[in-house]
Amino acid sequence: MNPIAAAAAPFVFLSTLSVLQFVLVAGHESQGTNGGSKAGVVNMNLIQQACQHAPHKDLCINTLKNDPNSKGADLTGLAYISIRLAGAYASEVDVHLRSLLINNATTLSPVVQQGVADCIEHYSDANEQLDDCVAAMSIKNYKDVELWVTVAISDADNCDNSFSGEESVVLQKNEAFRQLCNNVLAVVKALPPHGKE
C-alpha cells in the first residue's frame, strides 16, 4: 500500500468508541447488586481485584481509577473500560503514524516510510481486534476476548519489526499499547466464568 494513501485512509474505530460509550452508560443505568459500587463512587477494592493479575498493576489501577466511567462500574464495566482505553490509545498511535507519514514524507528514509505505513496497517488490525473484543464481551465469550487482545499485542510487535533493522519510530507507543492490552487481559481474567458477578 502506498504510504501516503495509508495515511489518508478514514478512521473506522470511532464507531466502536461510540458503541462502548453506549454500553458503559447503559451498564451504569442498569446496575444493581452485581459487584458495582454506588453511582459516582470508584470502588477501589473492585479495581484492585480487576488488576490483580496485571504485569503493571499500578498502571492498571491508575488508568481505571482515573477514568470517569469507572464510577459505579462492576467488573464487566471495568473490562469494557479497559478495552476502550486500549482502543483509544491505538487510535492515538494511528493518528500519530499518519501524521508522521504526511508531515515528514520528504525527510523519512524509504525504509522508515514503509515501516510507518506497515504500522498503520498493524494498528488498523489492532483496532479491528479490539472491536472483536467488544463483540465477544457482549456475549460473555472471555476466551475470544483474550485471543483478540493477544492478536492486538502481536500487531504492536509486528509494528516494531516493520522497520527492517532501523529503530522503530513508535517503540515507546507500542510498549504503552501492549501495557494497556495487558490490562485488558488482567481484568478479563478477574471476571467470573460465564459473566456471573
N, C-alpha and C. Protein backbone atom coordinates (compact mmCIF):
# COMPACT_ATOMS: atom_id res chain seq x y z
N MET A 1 0.85 -1.18 0.00
CA MET A 1 0.00 0.00 0.00
C MET A 1 0.89 1.24 0.00
N ASN A 2 0.51 2.22 -0.77
CA ASN A 2 1.22 3.49 -0.83
C ASN A 2 1.17 4.14 0.55
N PRO A 3 2.33 4.53 1.12
CA PRO A 3 2.34 5.11 2.46
C PRO A 3 1.46 6.35 2.60
N ILE A 4 1.43 7.20 1.60
CA ILE A 4 0.60 8.41 1.68
C ILE A 4 -0.88 8.03 1.66
N ALA A 5 -1.25 7.04 0.84
CA ALA A 5 -2.64 6.60 0.79
C ALA A 5 -3.04 6.00 2.14
N ALA A 6 -2.13 5.27 2.78
CA ALA A 6 -2.42 4.70 4.09
C ALA A 6 -2.69 5.80 5.10
N ALA A 7 -1.96 6.88 5.02
CA ALA A 7 -2.14 7.98 5.96
C ALA A 7 -3.47 8.69 5.75
N ALA A 8 -3.97 8.67 4.55
CA ALA A 8 -5.20 9.38 4.24
C ALA A 8 -6.45 8.52 4.45
N ALA A 9 -6.29 7.24 4.74
CA ALA A 9 -7.44 6.34 4.92
C ALA A 9 -8.29 6.81 6.09
N PRO A 10 -9.62 6.61 6.00
CA PRO A 10 -10.51 7.08 7.08
C PRO A 10 -10.36 6.24 8.33
N PHE A 11 -10.74 6.82 9.45
CA PHE A 11 -10.68 6.14 10.73
C PHE A 11 -12.01 5.46 11.00
N VAL A 12 -11.96 4.14 11.16
CA VAL A 12 -13.17 3.36 11.37
C VAL A 12 -13.44 3.13 12.85
N PHE A 13 -12.42 3.23 13.66
CA PHE A 13 -12.53 2.84 15.05
C PHE A 13 -13.45 3.74 15.87
N LEU A 14 -13.73 4.95 15.40
CA LEU A 14 -14.55 5.88 16.17
C LEU A 14 -15.94 5.31 16.45
N SER A 15 -16.48 4.50 15.53
CA SER A 15 -17.79 3.92 15.77
C SER A 15 -17.75 2.97 16.97
N THR A 16 -16.66 2.25 17.13
CA THR A 16 -16.53 1.35 18.27
C THR A 16 -16.51 2.12 19.57
N LEU A 17 -15.82 3.26 19.57
CA LEU A 17 -15.79 4.08 20.78
C LEU A 17 -17.20 4.54 21.15
N SER A 18 -18.01 4.87 20.15
CA SER A 18 -19.39 5.27 20.41
C SER A 18 -20.19 4.12 20.99
N VAL A 19 -20.02 2.92 20.43
CA VAL A 19 -20.72 1.75 20.94
C VAL A 19 -20.30 1.47 22.38
N LEU A 20 -19.01 1.54 22.66
CA LEU A 20 -18.53 1.30 24.02
C LEU A 20 -19.10 2.32 24.99
N GLN A 21 -19.16 3.58 24.58
CA GLN A 21 -19.73 4.62 25.44
C GLN A 21 -21.18 4.28 25.76
N PHE A 22 -21.94 3.83 24.74
CA PHE A 22 -23.33 3.44 24.95
C PHE A 22 -23.42 2.28 25.92
N VAL A 23 -22.57 1.25 25.74
CA VAL A 23 -22.58 0.09 26.62
C VAL A 23 -22.28 0.50 28.05
N LEU A 24 -21.30 1.37 28.23
CA LEU A 24 -20.93 1.81 29.58
C LEU A 24 -22.06 2.59 30.23
N VAL A 25 -22.68 3.50 29.49
CA VAL A 25 -23.78 4.28 30.04
C VAL A 25 -24.96 3.38 30.37
N ALA A 26 -25.29 2.47 29.45
CA ALA A 26 -26.40 1.55 29.69
C ALA A 26 -26.11 0.67 30.90
N GLY A 27 -24.86 0.25 31.03
CA GLY A 27 -24.46 -0.57 32.17
C GLY A 27 -24.64 0.16 33.48
N HIS A 28 -24.29 1.44 33.51
CA HIS A 28 -24.45 2.22 34.74
C HIS A 28 -25.91 2.36 35.10
N GLU A 29 -26.78 2.52 34.10
CA GLU A 29 -28.20 2.72 34.37
C GLU A 29 -28.87 1.45 34.88
N SER A 30 -28.34 0.28 34.48
CA SER A 30 -29.00 -0.96 34.86
C SER A 30 -28.32 -1.67 36.03
N GLN A 31 -27.31 -1.08 36.63
CA GLN A 31 -26.59 -1.75 37.70
C GLN A 31 -27.45 -1.92 38.93
N GLY A 32 -27.30 -3.08 39.51
CA GLY A 32 -27.98 -3.34 40.77
C GLY A 32 -26.96 -3.81 41.77
N THR A 33 -27.05 -5.08 42.15
CA THR A 33 -26.15 -5.62 43.15
C THR A 33 -25.13 -6.58 42.52
N ASN A 34 -24.64 -6.28 41.35
CA ASN A 34 -23.75 -7.21 40.65
C ASN A 34 -22.28 -6.86 40.80
N GLY A 35 -21.89 -6.37 41.94
CA GLY A 35 -20.48 -6.12 42.17
C GLY A 35 -20.04 -4.71 41.88
N GLY A 36 -20.94 -3.89 41.41
CA GLY A 36 -20.58 -2.49 41.15
C GLY A 36 -20.65 -1.70 42.44
N SER A 37 -20.33 -0.43 42.35
CA SER A 37 -20.43 0.43 43.52
C SER A 37 -21.50 1.46 43.25
N LYS A 38 -21.79 2.25 44.25
CA LYS A 38 -22.78 3.30 44.05
C LYS A 38 -22.36 4.20 42.91
N ALA A 39 -23.35 4.68 42.16
CA ALA A 39 -23.05 5.59 41.06
C ALA A 39 -22.29 6.79 41.60
N GLY A 40 -21.25 7.19 40.90
CA GLY A 40 -20.47 8.34 41.30
C GLY A 40 -19.31 8.02 42.21
N VAL A 41 -19.16 6.74 42.62
CA VAL A 41 -18.10 6.35 43.53
C VAL A 41 -17.23 5.29 42.86
N VAL A 42 -15.92 5.48 42.93
CA VAL A 42 -14.99 4.49 42.39
C VAL A 42 -14.74 3.45 43.47
N ASN A 43 -14.99 2.20 43.16
CA ASN A 43 -14.78 1.10 44.10
C ASN A 43 -13.34 0.62 43.95
N MET A 44 -12.45 1.11 44.80
CA MET A 44 -11.03 0.78 44.69
C MET A 44 -10.77 -0.70 44.94
N ASN A 45 -11.55 -1.31 45.83
CA ASN A 45 -11.37 -2.76 46.06
C ASN A 45 -11.65 -3.54 44.78
N LEU A 46 -12.68 -3.14 44.06
CA LEU A 46 -13.03 -3.82 42.81
C LEU A 46 -11.96 -3.58 41.74
N ILE A 47 -11.44 -2.36 41.68
CA ILE A 47 -10.37 -2.06 40.72
C ILE A 47 -9.12 -2.86 41.06
N GLN A 48 -8.79 -2.96 42.34
CA GLN A 48 -7.62 -3.76 42.73
C GLN A 48 -7.84 -5.24 42.40
N GLN A 49 -9.05 -5.72 42.59
CA GLN A 49 -9.37 -7.10 42.21
C GLN A 49 -9.22 -7.27 40.70
N ALA A 50 -9.71 -6.30 39.93
CA ALA A 50 -9.63 -6.38 38.47
C ALA A 50 -8.18 -6.38 37.98
N CYS A 51 -7.32 -5.68 38.68
CA CYS A 51 -5.93 -5.51 38.25
C CYS A 51 -4.95 -6.47 38.91
N GLN A 52 -5.45 -7.40 39.71
CA GLN A 52 -4.56 -8.26 40.49
C GLN A 52 -3.60 -9.08 39.63
N HIS A 53 -3.95 -9.39 38.38
CA HIS A 53 -3.10 -10.21 37.52
C HIS A 53 -2.30 -9.36 36.52
N ALA A 54 -2.42 -8.05 36.59
CA ALA A 54 -1.75 -7.17 35.61
C ALA A 54 -0.24 -7.14 35.85
N PRO A 55 0.56 -7.26 34.78
CA PRO A 55 2.01 -7.17 34.95
C PRO A 55 2.45 -5.78 35.42
N HIS A 56 1.69 -4.77 35.08
CA HIS A 56 1.96 -3.39 35.51
C HIS A 56 0.74 -2.94 36.33
N LYS A 57 0.65 -3.50 37.53
CA LYS A 57 -0.53 -3.33 38.37
C LYS A 57 -0.85 -1.86 38.65
N ASP A 58 0.17 -1.05 38.94
CA ASP A 58 -0.07 0.37 39.24
C ASP A 58 -0.68 1.08 38.03
N LEU A 59 -0.17 0.78 36.84
CA LEU A 59 -0.73 1.39 35.62
C LEU A 59 -2.19 0.97 35.46
N CYS A 60 -2.47 -0.30 35.65
CA CYS A 60 -3.84 -0.80 35.53
C CYS A 60 -4.76 -0.07 36.51
N ILE A 61 -4.35 -0.03 37.76
CA ILE A 61 -5.18 0.63 38.79
C ILE A 61 -5.38 2.10 38.46
N ASN A 62 -4.31 2.79 38.12
CA ASN A 62 -4.41 4.22 37.85
C ASN A 62 -5.25 4.54 36.63
N THR A 63 -5.12 3.76 35.56
CA THR A 63 -5.92 4.05 34.36
C THR A 63 -7.40 3.82 34.62
N LEU A 64 -7.72 2.76 35.35
CA LEU A 64 -9.13 2.52 35.65
C LEU A 64 -9.67 3.52 36.66
N LYS A 65 -8.90 3.80 37.68
CA LYS A 65 -9.34 4.74 38.73
C LYS A 65 -9.59 6.13 38.15
N ASN A 66 -8.75 6.55 37.21
CA ASN A 66 -8.86 7.90 36.66
C ASN A 66 -9.88 8.04 35.54
N ASP A 67 -10.43 6.93 35.07
CA ASP A 67 -11.45 7.02 34.03
C ASP A 67 -12.80 7.31 34.68
N PRO A 68 -13.48 8.37 34.24
CA PRO A 68 -14.76 8.74 34.88
C PRO A 68 -15.82 7.65 34.79
N ASN A 69 -15.73 6.76 33.79
CA ASN A 69 -16.72 5.69 33.66
C ASN A 69 -16.55 4.60 34.71
N SER A 70 -15.45 4.63 35.45
CA SER A 70 -15.23 3.63 36.50
C SER A 70 -16.13 3.85 37.70
N LYS A 71 -16.66 5.04 37.82
CA LYS A 71 -17.55 5.33 38.95
C LYS A 71 -18.81 4.48 38.80
N GLY A 72 -19.02 3.61 39.75
CA GLY A 72 -20.20 2.75 39.74
C GLY A 72 -20.06 1.51 38.88
N ALA A 73 -18.92 1.30 38.24
CA ALA A 73 -18.75 0.16 37.33
C ALA A 73 -18.53 -1.13 38.11
N ASP A 74 -19.09 -2.22 37.57
CA ASP A 74 -18.80 -3.55 38.09
C ASP A 74 -17.60 -4.11 37.32
N LEU A 75 -17.24 -5.38 37.55
CA LEU A 75 -16.08 -5.96 36.87
C LEU A 75 -16.26 -5.97 35.36
N THR A 76 -17.46 -6.28 34.90
CA THR A 76 -17.71 -6.27 33.45
C THR A 76 -17.54 -4.87 32.89
N GLY A 77 -18.04 -3.89 33.60
CA GLY A 77 -17.86 -2.49 33.17
C GLY A 77 -16.40 -2.11 33.12
N LEU A 78 -15.62 -2.57 34.10
CA LEU A 78 -14.18 -2.29 34.10
C LEU A 78 -13.49 -2.96 32.91
N ALA A 79 -13.97 -4.14 32.52
CA ALA A 79 -13.40 -4.81 31.34
C ALA A 79 -13.68 -3.99 30.09
N TYR A 80 -14.91 -3.52 29.94
CA TYR A 80 -15.24 -2.66 28.79
C TYR A 80 -14.39 -1.39 28.80
N ILE A 81 -14.21 -0.81 29.97
CA ILE A 81 -13.40 0.41 30.09
C ILE A 81 -11.97 0.13 29.65
N SER A 82 -11.40 -0.98 30.10
CA SER A 82 -10.02 -1.29 29.73
C SER A 82 -9.89 -1.51 28.23
N ILE A 83 -10.90 -2.12 27.61
CA ILE A 83 -10.89 -2.29 26.14
C ILE A 83 -10.96 -0.92 25.47
N ARG A 84 -11.84 -0.06 25.98
CA ARG A 84 -11.97 1.28 25.39
C ARG A 84 -10.67 2.06 25.50
N LEU A 85 -10.02 1.97 26.66
CA LEU A 85 -8.76 2.70 26.85
C LEU A 85 -7.68 2.20 25.88
N ALA A 86 -7.59 0.89 25.72
CA ALA A 86 -6.62 0.33 24.76
C ALA A 86 -6.96 0.77 23.34
N GLY A 87 -8.24 0.73 23.01
CA GLY A 87 -8.67 1.14 21.67
C GLY A 87 -8.43 2.62 21.41
N ALA A 88 -8.71 3.45 22.40
CA ALA A 88 -8.47 4.89 22.23
C ALA A 88 -6.99 5.16 22.03
N TYR A 89 -6.14 4.44 22.77
CA TYR A 89 -4.70 4.65 22.61
C TYR A 89 -4.23 4.15 21.25
N ALA A 90 -4.78 3.03 20.79
CA ALA A 90 -4.44 2.53 19.46
C ALA A 90 -4.81 3.56 18.39
N SER A 91 -5.94 4.20 18.57
CA SER A 91 -6.35 5.25 17.64
C SER A 91 -5.40 6.44 17.68
N GLU A 92 -4.93 6.80 18.88
CA GLU A 92 -3.95 7.89 19.01
C GLU A 92 -2.65 7.54 18.28
N VAL A 93 -2.21 6.29 18.43
CA VAL A 93 -0.98 5.86 17.75
C VAL A 93 -1.19 5.91 16.24
N ASP A 94 -2.35 5.48 15.79
CA ASP A 94 -2.68 5.51 14.36
C ASP A 94 -2.61 6.94 13.83
N VAL A 95 -3.21 7.87 14.55
CA VAL A 95 -3.19 9.29 14.14
C VAL A 95 -1.74 9.80 14.11
N HIS A 96 -0.97 9.45 15.12
CA HIS A 96 0.44 9.85 15.18
C HIS A 96 1.21 9.32 13.97
N LEU A 97 1.00 8.06 13.64
CA LEU A 97 1.69 7.45 12.50
C LEU A 97 1.30 8.14 11.19
N ARG A 98 0.03 8.40 11.01
CA ARG A 98 -0.43 9.07 9.79
C ARG A 98 0.17 10.48 9.69
N SER A 99 0.23 11.16 10.82
CA SER A 99 0.82 12.49 10.85
C SER A 99 2.31 12.43 10.49
N LEU A 100 3.01 11.45 11.04
CA LEU A 100 4.43 11.28 10.70
C LEU A 100 4.61 11.11 9.19
N LEU A 101 3.76 10.29 8.62
CA LEU A 101 3.88 10.00 7.20
C LEU A 101 3.57 11.22 6.34
N ILE A 102 2.55 11.94 6.70
CA ILE A 102 2.15 13.12 5.90
C ILE A 102 3.12 14.28 6.10
N ASN A 103 3.48 14.56 7.34
CA ASN A 103 4.29 15.74 7.64
C ASN A 103 5.78 15.54 7.40
N ASN A 104 6.22 14.30 7.29
CA ASN A 104 7.66 14.04 7.14
C ASN A 104 7.97 13.18 5.92
N ALA A 105 7.08 13.19 4.95
CA ALA A 105 7.23 12.32 3.78
C ALA A 105 8.56 12.54 3.07
N THR A 106 9.06 13.75 3.05
CA THR A 106 10.31 14.02 2.32
C THR A 106 11.55 13.80 3.18
N THR A 107 11.40 13.74 4.50
CA THR A 107 12.58 13.60 5.36
C THR A 107 12.79 12.18 5.88
N LEU A 108 11.76 11.35 5.82
CA LEU A 108 11.90 9.97 6.29
C LEU A 108 12.54 9.11 5.20
N SER A 109 13.41 8.22 5.61
CA SER A 109 14.01 7.30 4.64
C SER A 109 12.92 6.38 4.10
N PRO A 110 13.12 5.81 2.92
CA PRO A 110 12.12 4.89 2.37
C PRO A 110 11.82 3.71 3.30
N VAL A 111 12.84 3.22 4.01
CA VAL A 111 12.63 2.11 4.94
C VAL A 111 11.69 2.53 6.07
N VAL A 112 11.92 3.72 6.62
CA VAL A 112 11.08 4.21 7.71
C VAL A 112 9.68 4.52 7.19
N GLN A 113 9.58 5.11 6.00
CA GLN A 113 8.26 5.37 5.41
C GLN A 113 7.46 4.08 5.29
N GLN A 114 8.11 3.04 4.78
CA GLN A 114 7.42 1.76 4.63
C GLN A 114 7.07 1.18 6.00
N GLY A 115 7.99 1.33 6.96
CA GLY A 115 7.71 0.85 8.32
C GLY A 115 6.51 1.55 8.93
N VAL A 116 6.42 2.85 8.74
CA VAL A 116 5.28 3.62 9.27
C VAL A 116 4.00 3.16 8.58
N ALA A 117 4.05 2.99 7.25
CA ALA A 117 2.87 2.53 6.51
C ALA A 117 2.43 1.15 7.01
N ASP A 118 3.41 0.26 7.24
CA ASP A 118 3.07 -1.06 7.77
C ASP A 118 2.46 -0.96 9.16
N CYS A 119 3.00 -0.07 9.98
CA CYS A 119 2.46 0.12 11.33
C CYS A 119 1.02 0.62 11.29
N ILE A 120 0.72 1.48 10.34
CA ILE A 120 -0.66 1.96 10.20
C ILE A 120 -1.58 0.77 9.95
N GLU A 121 -1.15 -0.15 9.09
CA GLU A 121 -1.96 -1.34 8.83
C GLU A 121 -2.06 -2.21 10.09
N HIS A 122 -0.95 -2.35 10.82
CA HIS A 122 -0.99 -3.16 12.04
C HIS A 122 -1.93 -2.54 13.08
N TYR A 123 -1.92 -1.22 13.21
CA TYR A 123 -2.81 -0.59 14.19
C TYR A 123 -4.26 -0.62 13.72
N SER A 124 -4.47 -0.60 12.42
CA SER A 124 -5.83 -0.78 11.90
C SER A 124 -6.33 -2.17 12.27
N ASP A 125 -5.45 -3.17 12.11
CA ASP A 125 -5.80 -4.53 12.52
C ASP A 125 -6.04 -4.61 14.03
N ALA A 126 -5.20 -3.95 14.82
CA ALA A 126 -5.37 -3.97 16.27
C ALA A 126 -6.72 -3.39 16.67
N ASN A 127 -7.12 -2.31 16.00
CA ASN A 127 -8.43 -1.72 16.29
C ASN A 127 -9.55 -2.71 15.95
N GLU A 128 -9.39 -3.45 14.85
CA GLU A 128 -10.39 -4.46 14.50
C GLU A 128 -10.45 -5.55 15.56
N GLN A 129 -9.27 -5.94 16.07
CA GLN A 129 -9.25 -6.97 17.12
C GLN A 129 -9.98 -6.45 18.37
N LEU A 130 -9.79 -5.19 18.69
CA LEU A 130 -10.46 -4.63 19.87
C LEU A 130 -11.96 -4.49 19.63
N ASP A 131 -12.36 -4.24 18.38
CA ASP A 131 -13.79 -4.28 18.02
C ASP A 131 -14.34 -5.68 18.30
N ASP A 132 -13.57 -6.69 17.90
CA ASP A 132 -13.99 -8.08 18.13
C ASP A 132 -14.09 -8.37 19.63
N CYS A 133 -13.23 -7.74 20.43
CA CYS A 133 -13.31 -7.91 21.89
C CYS A 133 -14.64 -7.42 22.43
N VAL A 134 -15.09 -6.29 21.92
CA VAL A 134 -16.38 -5.75 22.37
C VAL A 134 -17.50 -6.73 22.05
N ALA A 135 -17.47 -7.27 20.82
CA ALA A 135 -18.50 -8.24 20.43
C ALA A 135 -18.43 -9.49 21.32
N ALA A 136 -17.22 -9.97 21.59
CA ALA A 136 -17.06 -11.15 22.44
C ALA A 136 -17.50 -10.87 23.87
N MET A 137 -17.20 -9.68 24.38
CA MET A 137 -17.64 -9.31 25.73
C MET A 137 -19.16 -9.31 25.82
N SER A 138 -19.81 -8.83 24.77
CA SER A 138 -21.28 -8.72 24.81
C SER A 138 -21.96 -10.07 24.93
N ILE A 139 -21.27 -11.15 24.52
CA ILE A 139 -21.83 -12.50 24.68
C ILE A 139 -21.07 -13.30 25.75
N LYS A 140 -20.27 -12.58 26.53
CA LYS A 140 -19.51 -13.17 27.63
C LYS A 140 -18.56 -14.28 27.18
N ASN A 141 -17.99 -14.12 25.99
CA ASN A 141 -17.02 -15.08 25.46
C ASN A 141 -15.62 -14.55 25.78
N TYR A 142 -15.21 -14.75 27.02
CA TYR A 142 -13.96 -14.17 27.51
C TYR A 142 -12.72 -14.80 26.87
N LYS A 143 -12.82 -16.06 26.46
CA LYS A 143 -11.68 -16.69 25.79
C LYS A 143 -11.38 -15.97 24.47
N ASP A 144 -12.43 -15.59 23.74
CA ASP A 144 -12.21 -14.85 22.50
C ASP A 144 -11.66 -13.45 22.77
N VAL A 145 -12.10 -12.83 23.87
CA VAL A 145 -11.54 -11.53 24.23
C VAL A 145 -10.04 -11.67 24.42
N GLU A 146 -9.64 -12.69 25.17
CA GLU A 146 -8.22 -12.93 25.41
C GLU A 146 -7.47 -13.18 24.10
N LEU A 147 -8.09 -13.95 23.21
CA LEU A 147 -7.48 -14.23 21.91
C LEU A 147 -7.28 -12.96 21.10
N TRP A 148 -8.32 -12.13 21.00
CA TRP A 148 -8.24 -10.91 20.18
C TRP A 148 -7.25 -9.91 20.77
N VAL A 149 -7.19 -9.83 22.10
CA VAL A 149 -6.22 -8.91 22.73
C VAL A 149 -4.80 -9.40 22.46
N THR A 150 -4.59 -10.69 22.53
CA THR A 150 -3.27 -11.26 22.25
C THR A 150 -2.86 -10.97 20.80
N VAL A 151 -3.81 -11.05 19.89
CA VAL A 151 -3.53 -10.72 18.49
C VAL A 151 -3.21 -9.23 18.35
N ALA A 152 -3.92 -8.37 19.08
CA ALA A 152 -3.64 -6.93 19.04
C ALA A 152 -2.23 -6.65 19.56
N ILE A 153 -1.81 -7.36 20.60
CA ILE A 153 -0.44 -7.21 21.11
C ILE A 153 0.56 -7.62 20.02
N SER A 154 0.24 -8.69 19.30
CA SER A 154 1.11 -9.12 18.20
C SER A 154 1.20 -8.06 17.11
N ASP A 155 0.11 -7.32 16.90
CA ASP A 155 0.15 -6.23 15.91
C ASP A 155 1.16 -5.17 16.32
N ALA A 156 1.23 -4.85 17.61
CA ALA A 156 2.23 -3.88 18.08
C ALA A 156 3.64 -4.44 17.91
N ASP A 157 3.81 -5.74 18.19
CA ASP A 157 5.11 -6.38 17.98
C ASP A 157 5.51 -6.32 16.51
N ASN A 158 4.54 -6.62 15.64
CA ASN A 158 4.81 -6.59 14.20
C ASN A 158 5.15 -5.18 13.72
N CYS A 159 4.53 -4.19 14.34
CA CYS A 159 4.86 -2.80 14.01
C CYS A 159 6.33 -2.53 14.33
N ASP A 160 6.77 -2.94 15.51
CA ASP A 160 8.18 -2.75 15.87
C ASP A 160 9.11 -3.42 14.87
N ASN A 161 8.70 -4.56 14.35
CA ASN A 161 9.53 -5.32 13.42
C ASN A 161 9.45 -4.81 11.97
N SER A 162 8.62 -3.81 11.74
CA SER A 162 8.40 -3.31 10.37
C SER A 162 9.49 -2.38 9.86
N PHE A 163 10.48 -2.09 10.67
CA PHE A 163 11.46 -1.08 10.29
C PHE A 163 12.77 -1.65 9.78
N SER A 164 12.77 -2.91 9.40
CA SER A 164 13.91 -3.57 8.74
C SER A 164 15.25 -3.22 9.36
N GLY A 165 15.36 -3.40 10.66
CA GLY A 165 16.63 -3.17 11.33
C GLY A 165 16.83 -1.75 11.85
N GLU A 166 16.07 -0.79 11.34
CA GLU A 166 16.15 0.57 11.87
C GLU A 166 15.25 0.64 13.12
N GLU A 167 15.57 1.58 14.00
CA GLU A 167 14.78 1.71 15.22
C GLU A 167 13.37 2.18 14.90
N SER A 168 12.40 1.52 15.55
CA SER A 168 11.00 1.88 15.38
C SER A 168 10.79 3.32 15.86
N VAL A 169 10.02 4.08 15.10
CA VAL A 169 9.73 5.46 15.50
C VAL A 169 8.58 5.52 16.50
N VAL A 170 8.01 4.37 16.82
CA VAL A 170 6.91 4.30 17.78
C VAL A 170 7.16 3.23 18.85
N LEU A 171 8.40 2.98 19.14
CA LEU A 171 8.78 1.94 20.11
C LEU A 171 8.09 2.15 21.46
N GLN A 172 8.15 3.36 22.00
CA GLN A 172 7.54 3.64 23.30
C GLN A 172 6.02 3.57 23.23
N LYS A 173 5.45 4.04 22.13
CA LYS A 173 4.00 3.98 21.98
C LYS A 173 3.53 2.53 21.88
N ASN A 174 4.29 1.70 21.17
CA ASN A 174 3.94 0.29 21.09
C ASN A 174 3.99 -0.36 22.47
N GLU A 175 4.98 -0.02 23.26
CA GLU A 175 5.09 -0.58 24.61
C GLU A 175 3.91 -0.14 25.48
N ALA A 176 3.53 1.12 25.39
CA ALA A 176 2.38 1.60 26.16
C ALA A 176 1.10 0.89 25.73
N PHE A 177 0.95 0.67 24.42
CA PHE A 177 -0.22 -0.05 23.92
C PHE A 177 -0.24 -1.48 24.45
N ARG A 178 0.91 -2.14 24.43
CA ARG A 178 0.99 -3.51 24.96
C ARG A 178 0.59 -3.54 26.44
N GLN A 179 1.03 -2.54 27.20
CA GLN A 179 0.68 -2.49 28.62
C GLN A 179 -0.83 -2.32 28.82
N LEU A 180 -1.45 -1.46 28.00
CA LEU A 180 -2.90 -1.29 28.10
C LEU A 180 -3.63 -2.57 27.72
N CYS A 181 -3.12 -3.27 26.71
CA CYS A 181 -3.71 -4.56 26.33
C CYS A 181 -3.54 -5.58 27.45
N ASN A 182 -2.40 -5.57 28.11
CA ASN A 182 -2.21 -6.47 29.25
C ASN A 182 -3.18 -6.14 30.38
N ASN A 183 -3.56 -4.87 30.51
CA ASN A 183 -4.59 -4.51 31.48
C ASN A 183 -5.91 -5.19 31.13
N VAL A 184 -6.25 -5.19 29.84
CA VAL A 184 -7.48 -5.86 29.41
C VAL A 184 -7.43 -7.33 29.80
N LEU A 185 -6.31 -7.98 29.50
CA LEU A 185 -6.18 -9.40 29.83
C LEU A 185 -6.34 -9.64 31.34
N ALA A 186 -5.77 -8.75 32.14
CA ALA A 186 -5.87 -8.89 33.59
C ALA A 186 -7.31 -8.75 34.07
N VAL A 187 -8.01 -7.75 33.57
CA VAL A 187 -9.39 -7.51 34.02
C VAL A 187 -10.28 -8.67 33.57
N VAL A 188 -10.09 -9.14 32.35
CA VAL A 188 -10.90 -10.26 31.86
C VAL A 188 -10.63 -11.51 32.69
N LYS A 189 -9.38 -11.70 33.07
CA LYS A 189 -9.02 -12.86 33.90
C LYS A 189 -9.73 -12.80 35.26
N ALA A 190 -10.00 -11.60 35.75
CA ALA A 190 -10.67 -11.43 37.04
C ALA A 190 -12.18 -11.64 36.96
N LEU A 191 -12.74 -11.69 35.75
CA LEU A 191 -14.18 -11.89 35.61
C LEU A 191 -14.55 -13.31 35.99
N PRO A 192 -15.70 -13.46 36.65
CA PRO A 192 -16.17 -14.81 36.96
C PRO A 192 -16.54 -15.54 35.66
N PRO A 193 -16.45 -16.87 35.66
CA PRO A 193 -16.81 -17.62 34.46
C PRO A 193 -18.26 -17.34 34.06
N HIS A 194 -18.49 -17.29 32.76
CA HIS A 194 -19.82 -17.09 32.19
C HIS A 194 -20.49 -15.80 32.61
N GLY A 195 -19.67 -14.81 33.02
CA GLY A 195 -20.19 -13.48 33.30
C GLY A 195 -21.01 -13.37 34.57
N LYS A 196 -20.93 -14.34 35.48
CA LYS A 196 -21.73 -14.27 36.73
C LYS A 196 -20.94 -13.47 37.75
N GLU A 197 -21.47 -12.31 38.13
CA GLU A 197 -20.78 -11.46 39.12
C GLU A 197 -21.58 -11.42 40.39
